Amino acid sequence: MEEFNKILLLTCVCCMACDGEIAKEEVSTLKKLSEDQHLFEKDDLNEVLPVIMNSLEKYGYEFVKSYLNLLEKSNFNEIQALQILDVATKTIYADNKIEYDEIKFFKSIRKNLKVTDEQILSKVDGVEDYWLSADAQDNNMSAFEINFSNVDYSSLKIE
């Protein structure tokens, strides 16, 4: 699997997991992205997705934190950064329930990418203005820890 496509897959998985449950609609969206946009080949999904899910189950919060650190350290171009945010948005909207934890996670992703609010609003469908505004607690890591360290990642399964 191409490295950038793996990051897109990690984006989907982390966005699905951030609210503590993986809805079947979110899994359908993942498969639809694979089929319609050819982001992931079926064989890649069959091989790589179980490995990712096992890592998420085993390492939980540390896995999610390492994903965000990977984004922060990577030097994505504008198109790649917007594609990551697009995949995140599609995953968040998949089950037709927008949870506060999902918006917080979107903000965490966005904070690690070098694109402007204007670029995001004009190129990524579904992003609301409030998804981009900073919360008072966004400036420290403990806010992230409070939101995502209490999720029981070990019980998350893709069916």
N, C-alpha and C. Protein backbone atom coordinates (compact mmCIF):
# COMPACT_ATOMS: atom_id res chain seq x y z
N MET A 1 0.85 -1.17 0.00
CA MET A 1 0.00 0.00 0.00
C MET A 1 0.89 1.24 0.00
N GLU A 2 0.57 2.16 -0.88
CA GLU A 2 1.30 3.43 -0.93
C GLU A 2 1.22 4.13 0.42
N GLU A 3 2.31 4.76 0.83
CA GLU A 3 2.39 5.37 2.16
C GLU A 3 1.29 6.41 2.41
N PHE A 4 1.02 7.27 1.43
CA PHE A 4 -0.01 8.28 1.63
C PHE A 4 -1.39 7.64 1.77
N ASN A 5 -1.66 6.61 0.99
CA ASN A 5 -2.94 5.91 1.11
C ASN A 5 -3.08 5.25 2.47
N LYS A 6 -1.97 4.80 3.03
CA LYS A 6 -2.02 4.23 4.38
C LYS A 6 -2.39 5.32 5.39
N ILE A 7 -1.89 6.52 5.19
CA ILE A 7 -2.26 7.63 6.07
C ILE A 7 -3.75 7.94 5.94
N LEU A 8 -4.27 7.88 4.73
CA LEU A 8 -5.70 8.09 4.54
C LEU A 8 -6.51 6.99 5.25
N LEU A 9 -6.04 5.76 5.18
CA LEU A 9 -6.70 4.66 5.88
C LEU A 9 -6.64 4.86 7.39
N LEU A 10 -5.49 5.27 7.89
CA LEU A 10 -5.36 5.57 9.32
C LEU A 10 -6.31 6.70 9.72
N THR A 11 -6.47 7.67 8.85
CA THR A 11 -7.40 8.78 9.10
C THR A 11 -8.81 8.24 9.27
N CYS A 12 -9.23 7.38 8.35
CA CYS A 12 -10.57 6.79 8.45
C CYS A 12 -10.74 6.03 9.76
N VAL A 13 -9.79 5.17 10.07
CA VAL A 13 -9.90 4.34 11.26
C VAL A 13 -9.93 5.19 12.52
N CYS A 14 -9.04 6.15 12.61
CA CYS A 14 -9.01 7.00 13.81
C CYS A 14 -10.28 7.83 13.94
N CYS A 15 -10.81 8.32 12.82
CA CYS A 15 -12.06 9.08 12.88
C CYS A 15 -13.23 8.18 13.26
N MET A 16 -13.22 6.95 12.80
CA MET A 16 -14.27 6.01 13.19
C MET A 16 -14.20 5.71 14.69
N ALA A 17 -12.99 5.60 15.21
CA ALA A 17 -12.79 5.16 16.59
C ALA A 17 -12.90 6.27 17.62
N CYS A 18 -12.74 7.51 17.22
CA CYS A 18 -12.60 8.60 18.19
C CYS A 18 -13.81 8.81 19.08
N ASP A 19 -14.98 8.36 18.66
CA ASP A 19 -16.17 8.54 19.50
C ASP A 19 -16.50 7.28 20.30
N GLY A 20 -15.64 6.29 20.22
CA GLY A 20 -15.81 5.09 21.03
C GLY A 20 -16.63 3.98 20.41
N GLU A 21 -17.06 4.18 19.18
CA GLU A 21 -17.77 3.11 18.48
C GLU A 21 -17.51 3.22 16.98
N ILE A 22 -17.58 2.09 16.33
CA ILE A 22 -17.42 2.07 14.88
C ILE A 22 -18.76 1.65 14.29
N ALA A 23 -19.42 2.60 13.65
CA ALA A 23 -20.73 2.34 13.06
C ALA A 23 -20.57 1.63 11.72
N LYS A 24 -21.55 0.80 11.40
CA LYS A 24 -21.48 0.06 10.13
C LYS A 24 -21.48 1.03 8.94
N GLU A 25 -22.11 2.19 9.10
CA GLU A 25 -22.12 3.19 8.03
C GLU A 25 -20.71 3.75 7.80
N GLU A 26 -19.93 3.86 8.87
CA GLU A 26 -18.55 4.34 8.73
C GLU A 26 -17.71 3.32 7.96
N VAL A 27 -17.93 2.04 8.24
CA VAL A 27 -17.22 0.99 7.52
C VAL A 27 -17.64 1.00 6.05
N SER A 28 -18.93 1.23 5.80
CA SER A 28 -19.41 1.33 4.42
C SER A 28 -18.75 2.49 3.69
N THR A 29 -18.59 3.60 4.39
CA THR A 29 -17.91 4.76 3.79
C THR A 29 -16.47 4.41 3.45
N LEU A 30 -15.80 3.72 4.34
CA LEU A 30 -14.43 3.29 4.08
C LEU A 30 -14.37 2.44 2.81
N LYS A 31 -15.28 1.50 2.69
CA LYS A 31 -15.32 0.63 1.50
C LYS A 31 -15.68 1.43 0.25
N LYS A 32 -16.57 2.40 0.41
CA LYS A 32 -16.97 3.24 -0.73
C LYS A 32 -15.78 4.09 -1.21
N LEU A 33 -15.01 4.63 -0.27
CA LEU A 33 -13.81 5.37 -0.65
C LEU A 33 -12.85 4.47 -1.42
N SER A 34 -12.79 3.23 -1.01
CA SER A 34 -11.93 2.26 -1.68
C SER A 34 -12.41 2.01 -3.10
N GLU A 35 -13.71 1.81 -3.24
CA GLU A 35 -14.28 1.48 -4.55
C GLU A 35 -14.37 2.69 -5.48
N ASP A 36 -14.95 3.78 -4.99
CA ASP A 36 -15.23 4.93 -5.85
C ASP A 36 -14.00 5.79 -6.15
N GLN A 37 -13.18 6.02 -5.13
CA GLN A 37 -12.03 6.90 -5.31
C GLN A 37 -10.72 6.13 -5.42
N HIS A 38 -10.79 4.83 -5.30
CA HIS A 38 -9.62 3.96 -5.42
C HIS A 38 -8.49 4.38 -4.48
N LEU A 39 -8.87 4.79 -3.27
CA LEU A 39 -7.86 5.17 -2.29
C LEU A 39 -7.14 3.96 -1.72
N PHE A 40 -7.87 2.89 -1.59
CA PHE A 40 -7.29 1.66 -1.07
C PHE A 40 -7.75 0.51 -1.96
N GLU A 41 -6.84 -0.34 -2.33
CA GLU A 41 -7.21 -1.52 -3.09
C GLU A 41 -7.84 -2.53 -2.15
N LYS A 42 -8.72 -3.36 -2.67
CA LYS A 42 -9.42 -4.34 -1.84
C LYS A 42 -8.44 -5.25 -1.11
N ASP A 43 -7.40 -5.69 -1.81
CA ASP A 43 -6.39 -6.55 -1.17
C ASP A 43 -5.69 -5.81 -0.04
N ASP A 44 -5.41 -4.52 -0.25
CA ASP A 44 -4.78 -3.72 0.80
C ASP A 44 -5.68 -3.65 2.02
N LEU A 45 -6.97 -3.41 1.78
CA LEU A 45 -7.91 -3.35 2.91
C LEU A 45 -7.93 -4.68 3.65
N ASN A 46 -7.96 -5.76 2.90
CA ASN A 46 -8.02 -7.09 3.53
C ASN A 46 -6.75 -7.41 4.32
N GLU A 47 -5.62 -6.89 3.88
CA GLU A 47 -4.35 -7.17 4.56
C GLU A 47 -4.00 -6.14 5.62
N VAL A 48 -4.12 -4.85 5.28
CA VAL A 48 -3.64 -3.78 6.15
C VAL A 48 -4.65 -3.42 7.24
N LEU A 49 -5.93 -3.41 6.91
CA LEU A 49 -6.94 -3.00 7.88
C LEU A 49 -6.94 -3.86 9.15
N PRO A 50 -6.86 -5.17 9.04
CA PRO A 50 -6.80 -5.97 10.29
C PRO A 50 -5.56 -5.66 11.15
N VAL A 51 -4.44 -5.37 10.51
CA VAL A 51 -3.23 -5.02 11.25
C VAL A 51 -3.45 -3.70 11.99
N ILE A 52 -4.03 -2.73 11.30
CA ILE A 52 -4.31 -1.44 11.92
C ILE A 52 -5.28 -1.61 13.09
N MET A 53 -6.33 -2.39 12.89
CA MET A 53 -7.32 -2.59 13.96
C MET A 53 -6.70 -3.31 15.15
N ASN A 54 -5.82 -4.27 14.90
CA ASN A 54 -5.13 -4.95 16.00
C ASN A 54 -4.25 -3.97 16.78
N SER A 55 -3.57 -3.10 16.07
CA SER A 55 -2.73 -2.09 16.73
C SER A 55 -3.57 -1.12 17.54
N LEU A 56 -4.70 -0.71 16.97
CA LEU A 56 -5.61 0.19 17.69
C LEU A 56 -6.13 -0.48 18.96
N GLU A 57 -6.51 -1.73 18.83
CA GLU A 57 -7.01 -2.47 20.00
C GLU A 57 -5.93 -2.62 21.07
N LYS A 58 -4.72 -2.91 20.63
CA LYS A 58 -3.62 -3.16 21.57
C LYS A 58 -3.10 -1.88 22.22
N TYR A 59 -2.91 -0.83 21.42
CA TYR A 59 -2.26 0.38 21.91
C TYR A 59 -3.22 1.53 22.19
N GLY A 60 -4.44 1.46 21.65
CA GLY A 60 -5.48 2.43 21.94
C GLY A 60 -5.07 3.88 21.77
N TYR A 61 -5.14 4.61 22.85
CA TYR A 61 -4.87 6.04 22.86
C TYR A 61 -3.48 6.35 22.29
N GLU A 62 -2.48 5.56 22.62
CA GLU A 62 -1.12 5.78 22.11
C GLU A 62 -1.08 5.64 20.59
N PHE A 63 -1.88 4.73 20.04
CA PHE A 63 -1.97 4.55 18.60
C PHE A 63 -2.51 5.82 17.95
N VAL A 64 -3.60 6.35 18.50
CA VAL A 64 -4.22 7.57 17.96
C VAL A 64 -3.25 8.75 18.08
N LYS A 65 -2.60 8.85 19.21
CA LYS A 65 -1.63 9.92 19.42
C LYS A 65 -0.47 9.81 18.42
N SER A 66 -0.02 8.60 18.15
CA SER A 66 1.08 8.45 17.19
C SER A 66 0.64 8.81 15.77
N TYR A 67 -0.63 8.56 15.45
CA TYR A 67 -1.16 8.97 14.15
C TYR A 67 -1.07 10.50 14.01
N LEU A 68 -1.50 11.21 15.05
CA LEU A 68 -1.44 12.67 15.00
C LEU A 68 0.00 13.18 14.95
N ASN A 69 0.89 12.52 15.64
CA ASN A 69 2.31 12.89 15.58
C ASN A 69 2.87 12.67 14.18
N LEU A 70 2.42 11.61 13.53
CA LEU A 70 2.84 11.34 12.15
C LEU A 70 2.39 12.48 11.23
N LEU A 71 1.16 12.94 11.42
CA LEU A 71 0.67 14.07 10.61
C LEU A 71 1.51 15.31 10.85
N GLU A 72 1.81 15.56 12.11
CA GLU A 72 2.57 16.76 12.47
C GLU A 72 3.97 16.74 11.85
N LYS A 73 4.59 15.58 11.79
CA LYS A 73 5.96 15.48 11.30
C LYS A 73 6.05 15.37 9.78
N SER A 74 4.94 15.06 9.14
CA SER A 74 4.94 14.91 7.69
C SER A 74 4.83 16.27 7.02
N ASN A 75 5.31 16.32 5.82
CA ASN A 75 5.27 17.57 5.07
C ASN A 75 4.35 17.40 3.87
N PHE A 76 3.06 17.39 4.14
CA PHE A 76 2.09 17.20 3.06
C PHE A 76 1.92 18.48 2.27
N ASN A 77 1.70 18.31 0.98
CA ASN A 77 1.36 19.47 0.17
C ASN A 77 -0.11 19.81 0.40
N GLU A 78 -0.55 20.90 -0.16
CA GLU A 78 -1.93 21.37 0.05
C GLU A 78 -2.96 20.32 -0.38
N ILE A 79 -2.76 19.72 -1.52
CA ILE A 79 -3.71 18.73 -2.04
C ILE A 79 -3.80 17.53 -1.09
N GLN A 80 -2.66 17.05 -0.62
CA GLN A 80 -2.67 15.92 0.31
C GLN A 80 -3.34 16.28 1.63
N ALA A 81 -3.02 17.45 2.17
CA ALA A 81 -3.63 17.88 3.44
C ALA A 81 -5.14 17.98 3.31
N LEU A 82 -5.59 18.55 2.21
CA LEU A 82 -7.03 18.67 2.00
C LEU A 82 -7.68 17.31 1.78
N GLN A 83 -6.97 16.40 1.17
CA GLN A 83 -7.51 15.05 0.98
C GLN A 83 -7.65 14.33 2.33
N ILE A 84 -6.71 14.51 3.22
CA ILE A 84 -6.81 13.94 4.56
C ILE A 84 -8.05 14.48 5.26
N LEU A 85 -8.24 15.79 5.19
CA LEU A 85 -9.40 16.41 5.83
C LEU A 85 -10.71 15.99 5.17
N ASP A 86 -10.68 15.78 3.86
CA ASP A 86 -11.86 15.31 3.14
C ASP A 86 -12.25 13.90 3.59
N VAL A 87 -11.27 13.03 3.71
CA VAL A 87 -11.53 11.66 4.16
C VAL A 87 -12.06 11.69 5.60
N ALA A 88 -11.48 12.53 6.43
CA ALA A 88 -11.95 12.66 7.81
C ALA A 88 -13.41 13.12 7.84
N THR A 89 -13.72 14.13 7.04
CA THR A 89 -15.08 14.67 7.00
C THR A 89 -16.08 13.63 6.51
N LYS A 90 -15.74 12.92 5.46
CA LYS A 90 -16.64 11.87 4.95
C LYS A 90 -16.88 10.79 6.01
N THR A 91 -15.85 10.44 6.75
CA THR A 91 -15.98 9.43 7.79
C THR A 91 -16.86 9.96 8.93
N ILE A 92 -16.66 11.19 9.31
CA ILE A 92 -17.44 11.78 10.40
C ILE A 92 -18.93 11.84 10.03
N TYR A 93 -19.24 12.19 8.80
CA TYR A 93 -20.63 12.29 8.36
C TYR A 93 -21.27 10.93 8.07
N ALA A 94 -20.51 9.88 7.99
CA ALA A 94 -21.00 8.59 7.51
C ALA A 94 -22.22 8.07 8.25
N ASP A 95 -22.24 8.17 9.56
CA ASP A 95 -23.36 7.60 10.32
C ASP A 95 -24.47 8.61 10.60
N ASN A 96 -24.38 9.78 9.98
CA ASN A 96 -25.38 10.84 10.13
C ASN A 96 -25.54 11.33 11.56
N LYS A 97 -24.53 11.11 12.39
CA LYS A 97 -24.49 11.63 13.75
C LYS A 97 -23.14 12.31 13.94
N ILE A 98 -23.16 13.59 14.15
CA ILE A 98 -21.92 14.32 14.37
C ILE A 98 -21.74 14.46 15.88
N GLU A 99 -20.78 13.74 16.40
CA GLU A 99 -20.49 13.76 17.84
C GLU A 99 -19.43 14.84 18.13
N TYR A 100 -19.50 15.39 19.32
CA TYR A 100 -18.53 16.40 19.73
C TYR A 100 -17.10 15.85 19.65
N ASP A 101 -16.91 14.58 20.06
CA ASP A 101 -15.58 13.97 19.99
C ASP A 101 -15.05 13.92 18.57
N GLU A 102 -15.93 13.73 17.60
CA GLU A 102 -15.50 13.70 16.20
C GLU A 102 -15.01 15.07 15.75
N ILE A 103 -15.72 16.12 16.16
CA ILE A 103 -15.30 17.48 15.81
C ILE A 103 -13.97 17.80 16.48
N LYS A 104 -13.82 17.41 17.75
CA LYS A 104 -12.56 17.62 18.46
C LYS A 104 -11.43 16.88 17.74
N PHE A 105 -11.71 15.68 17.27
CA PHE A 105 -10.67 14.93 16.58
C PHE A 105 -10.33 15.59 15.24
N PHE A 106 -11.34 16.06 14.53
CA PHE A 106 -11.10 16.79 13.28
C PHE A 106 -10.19 17.98 13.55
N LYS A 107 -10.47 18.71 14.64
CA LYS A 107 -9.64 19.86 15.00
C LYS A 107 -8.21 19.43 15.28
N SER A 108 -8.05 18.27 15.90
CA SER A 108 -6.70 17.75 16.18
C SER A 108 -5.97 17.42 14.88
N ILE A 109 -6.67 16.85 13.93
CA ILE A 109 -6.07 16.56 12.62
C ILE A 109 -5.68 17.87 11.95
N ARG A 110 -6.63 18.78 11.89
CA ARG A 110 -6.42 20.04 11.19
C ARG A 110 -5.24 20.81 11.76
N LYS A 111 -5.09 20.77 13.08
CA LYS A 111 -4.01 21.49 13.75
C LYS A 111 -2.63 21.00 13.28
N ASN A 112 -2.57 19.77 12.78
CA ASN A 112 -1.30 19.19 12.36
C ASN A 112 -1.04 19.29 10.86
N LEU A 113 -1.89 20.02 10.17
CA LEU A 113 -1.73 20.17 8.72
C LEU A 113 -1.55 21.64 8.37
N LYS A 114 -0.77 21.88 7.34
CA LYS A 114 -0.43 23.25 6.95
C LYS A 114 -1.33 23.73 5.82
N VAL A 115 -2.58 24.00 6.16
CA VAL A 115 -3.53 24.60 5.21
C VAL A 115 -4.32 25.66 5.97
N THR A 116 -4.84 26.60 5.23
CA THR A 116 -5.59 27.69 5.86
C THR A 116 -7.06 27.30 6.01
N ASP A 117 -7.73 28.02 6.88
CA ASP A 117 -9.18 27.82 7.05
C ASP A 117 -9.90 28.07 5.73
N GLU A 118 -9.47 29.09 5.02
CA GLU A 118 -10.10 29.42 3.74
C GLU A 118 -9.96 28.28 2.73
N GLN A 119 -8.78 27.67 2.68
CA GLN A 119 -8.57 26.54 1.78
C GLN A 119 -9.50 25.38 2.16
N ILE A 120 -9.59 25.12 3.44
CA ILE A 120 -10.44 24.02 3.91
C ILE A 120 -11.90 24.29 3.57
N LEU A 121 -12.39 25.47 3.90
CA LEU A 121 -13.80 25.79 3.66
C LEU A 121 -14.16 25.78 2.18
N SER A 122 -13.22 26.15 1.34
CA SER A 122 -13.53 26.19 -0.10
C SER A 122 -13.34 24.85 -0.79
N LYS A 123 -12.56 23.94 -0.21
CA LYS A 123 -12.24 22.69 -0.92
C LYS A 123 -12.77 21.41 -0.26
N VAL A 124 -13.17 21.47 1.01
CA VAL A 124 -13.61 20.26 1.71
C VAL A 124 -15.09 20.40 2.04
N ASP A 125 -15.92 19.62 1.35
CA ASP A 125 -17.36 19.67 1.57
C ASP A 125 -17.72 19.21 2.98
N GLY A 126 -18.65 19.95 3.58
CA GLY A 126 -19.19 19.54 4.87
C GLY A 126 -18.53 20.14 6.09
N VAL A 127 -17.40 20.79 5.91
CA VAL A 127 -16.72 21.39 7.07
C VAL A 127 -17.47 22.66 7.46
N GLU A 128 -17.81 22.76 8.72
CA GLU A 128 -18.49 23.93 9.26
C GLU A 128 -17.45 24.87 9.87
N ASP A 129 -17.78 26.15 9.93
CA ASP A 129 -16.87 27.15 10.51
C ASP A 129 -16.42 26.75 11.91
N TYR A 130 -17.35 26.27 12.72
CA TYR A 130 -17.00 25.95 14.10
C TYR A 130 -16.04 24.76 14.22
N TRP A 131 -15.91 23.98 13.16
CA TRP A 131 -14.94 22.88 13.17
C TRP A 131 -13.51 23.44 13.16
N LEU A 132 -13.36 24.68 12.72
CA LEU A 132 -12.04 25.27 12.56
C LEU A 132 -11.67 26.22 13.69
N SER A 133 -12.65 26.64 14.46
CA SER A 133 -12.37 27.58 15.55
C SER A 133 -11.71 26.84 16.71
N ALA A 134 -10.79 27.53 17.33
CA ALA A 134 -10.05 26.94 18.46
C ALA A 134 -10.92 26.95 19.71
N ASP A 135 -10.87 25.87 20.44
CA ASP A 135 -11.50 25.82 21.75
C ASP A 135 -10.51 26.38 22.75
N ALA A 136 -10.99 26.83 23.86
CA ALA A 136 -10.12 27.41 24.89
C ALA A 136 -9.06 26.42 25.34
N GLN A 137 -9.37 25.14 25.35
CA GLN A 137 -8.43 24.14 25.85
C GLN A 137 -7.54 23.54 24.76
N ASP A 138 -7.67 23.98 23.53
CA ASP A 138 -6.93 23.38 22.42
C ASP A 138 -5.42 23.57 22.49
N ASN A 139 -4.94 24.48 23.27
CA ASN A 139 -3.52 24.81 23.25
C ASN A 139 -2.65 23.88 24.08
N ASN A 140 -3.23 22.90 24.73
CA ASN A 140 -2.38 21.98 25.50
C ASN A 140 -2.76 20.54 25.22
N MET A 141 -1.80 19.66 25.40
CA MET A 141 -2.01 18.25 25.10
C MET A 141 -2.98 17.60 26.06
N SER A 142 -3.11 18.13 27.28
CA SER A 142 -4.00 17.50 28.24
C SER A 142 -5.45 17.54 27.76
N ALA A 143 -5.82 18.55 26.98
CA ALA A 143 -7.18 18.60 26.42
C ALA A 143 -7.40 17.41 25.49
N PHE A 144 -6.40 17.11 24.67
CA PHE A 144 -6.50 15.95 23.79
C PHE A 144 -6.58 14.68 24.63
N GLU A 145 -5.74 14.58 25.62
CA GLU A 145 -5.75 13.41 26.49
C GLU A 145 -7.09 13.22 27.17
N ILE A 146 -7.67 14.30 27.66
CA ILE A 146 -8.97 14.22 28.32
C ILE A 146 -10.02 13.68 27.36
N ASN A 147 -10.00 14.13 26.13
CA ASN A 147 -11.02 13.73 25.16
C ASN A 147 -10.84 12.30 24.65
N PHE A 148 -9.62 11.85 24.47
CA PHE A 148 -9.43 10.60 23.75
C PHE A 148 -8.75 9.48 24.52
N SER A 149 -8.24 9.77 25.71
CA SER A 149 -7.59 8.71 26.47
C SER A 149 -8.59 7.82 27.19
N ASN A 150 -9.83 8.26 27.33
CA ASN A 150 -10.84 7.48 28.04
C ASN A 150 -11.66 6.57 27.13
N VAL A 151 -11.40 6.60 25.83
CA VAL A 151 -12.12 5.74 24.89
C VAL A 151 -11.62 4.31 25.05
N ASP A 152 -12.55 3.36 25.09
CA ASP A 152 -12.16 1.95 25.17
C ASP A 152 -11.92 1.42 23.76
N TYR A 153 -10.70 1.61 23.30
CA TYR A 153 -10.36 1.20 21.94
C TYR A 153 -10.32 -0.32 21.80
N SER A 154 -10.15 -1.03 22.89
CA SER A 154 -10.03 -2.50 22.82
C SER A 154 -11.32 -3.17 22.41
N SER A 155 -12.44 -2.49 22.55
CA SER A 155 -13.72 -3.11 22.19
C SER A 155 -14.20 -2.75 20.79
N LEU A 156 -13.43 -1.95 20.07
CA LEU A 156 -13.85 -1.51 18.74
C LEU A 156 -13.56 -2.60 17.71
N LYS A 157 -14.57 -2.90 16.93
CA LYS A 157 -14.43 -3.93 15.89
C LYS A 157 -15.05 -3.42 14.59
N ILE A 158 -14.49 -3.88 13.51
CA ILE A 158 -15.06 -3.62 12.18
C ILE A 158 -15.75 -4.89 11.74
N GLU A 159 -17.01 -4.75 11.44
CA GLU A 159 -17.78 -5.93 11.00
C GLU A 159 -18.12 -5.84 9.54
